[in-house]
Amino acid sequence: MNFHGKDIKIFAGSSNKTVAKGICDSLGVALGKSSCCKFSDGEISISLNESVRGSECFIVQSTCDPVNDNLMELLIMIDAMKRASAARITAVMPYFGYARQDRKAKPRDPISAKLVADLITTAGADRVLTMDLHANQIQGFFNIPVDHLMGAPLLANHMKKMVGNNQDEYVVVSPDLGSVTRARNFANKIGCTIAIVDKRRPKPNVSEVMNIIGDVKDKKVILVDDMIDTAGTLCNAANALVERAGATSVIACATHAVLSGPAIERLQNSVISEVVLLDTIPVEGEKLIDKFTVLPVAPTFAKAIERIYSDQPFHDNFV
């Protein structure tokens, strides 16, 4: 694979080596040789164990837990490649941490998503490839190109096979007003109607269901969101849909499995029968419960990387 005279090299950070290896398998290239270790005081040390001079380099790193370590590792890898004369460096971030801090919610708040964008640019990245930013305007925080992939088509394709020709039995539900566009696009792909959960958030990571807009009585519900963090929003919405609105079952779909705090316990004990996730964040060990179905994003990112490398345009439905 060599479109314009430079070779392509894919490197993996510590956070999501499974996706990096999947991308390499899809593209038919070997994973780049690098190593990461920590000094006794916690400083991160990166070594590139092969030449990147004149190469098109892609660093696969989700800035998930531990967020700050993974972010710092990404920045150091970018700097190492820049100083080693890489031709172009793309930060491939299946999950972009700090994305929820995209505005000032109250006086004297930082806009941390903008700060992270500045750090990545200053470190030397030439472009960013990511999936399902929590807020689309984060693309404008960068002064370099940002290619923004959507996770919903992958989830919708999976659910479309499950729904089959029984669209009338299902309703796609947005768990809050901010996800209505995502839910509407998802519903259009599988041919279902939509409903909306109206919630309020009295404090961070706490949500209360106020109203349900739309008819879900005697319907199978598909809850669609961009991420599951503590799962409070999702589980409260699912309970309200079944207990107050008369839904018969609930399946949840989300791109990013943040799954912090009590998330696993809440999902395990909720009325949700299945949770369909993408592996933008690794779902492993104790977090991988029977309710979870995890779909790979590597083939989608591989197609995107191939288009970036060959200077081809993206299309809405290229995945």
Foldseek 3Di string as FASTA:
>chain_A
DAQDPAAEAEEEDDFCVVLSVLLCVLVVHDHFDKDWDADPVGDIDIDGPDQQAQHEYEYEFACAVVNVVRLVRLLVVLLVNVVSHHPAYEYEHQHHPLLVLCDDPDPPRDSVLLVSQVSNVVSPHQEYEYEPRVDPCSCVSHPHHYHYHYPLVVVLVVVLVVCPPVQVQEEEEELEPSCVVVSVVSCVSNVHHYKYFHWDAPDPPAIATDDIGDAQANHEYEYEDAEQALCNSVQNSQCCCCVPRHHPAYEYEYEYYSNDDNNQVSVVPGRHQAYEYEVSGPQDDPSDDPRYDYDYCSNVVSVVVVCVSNVHDDDNPPD
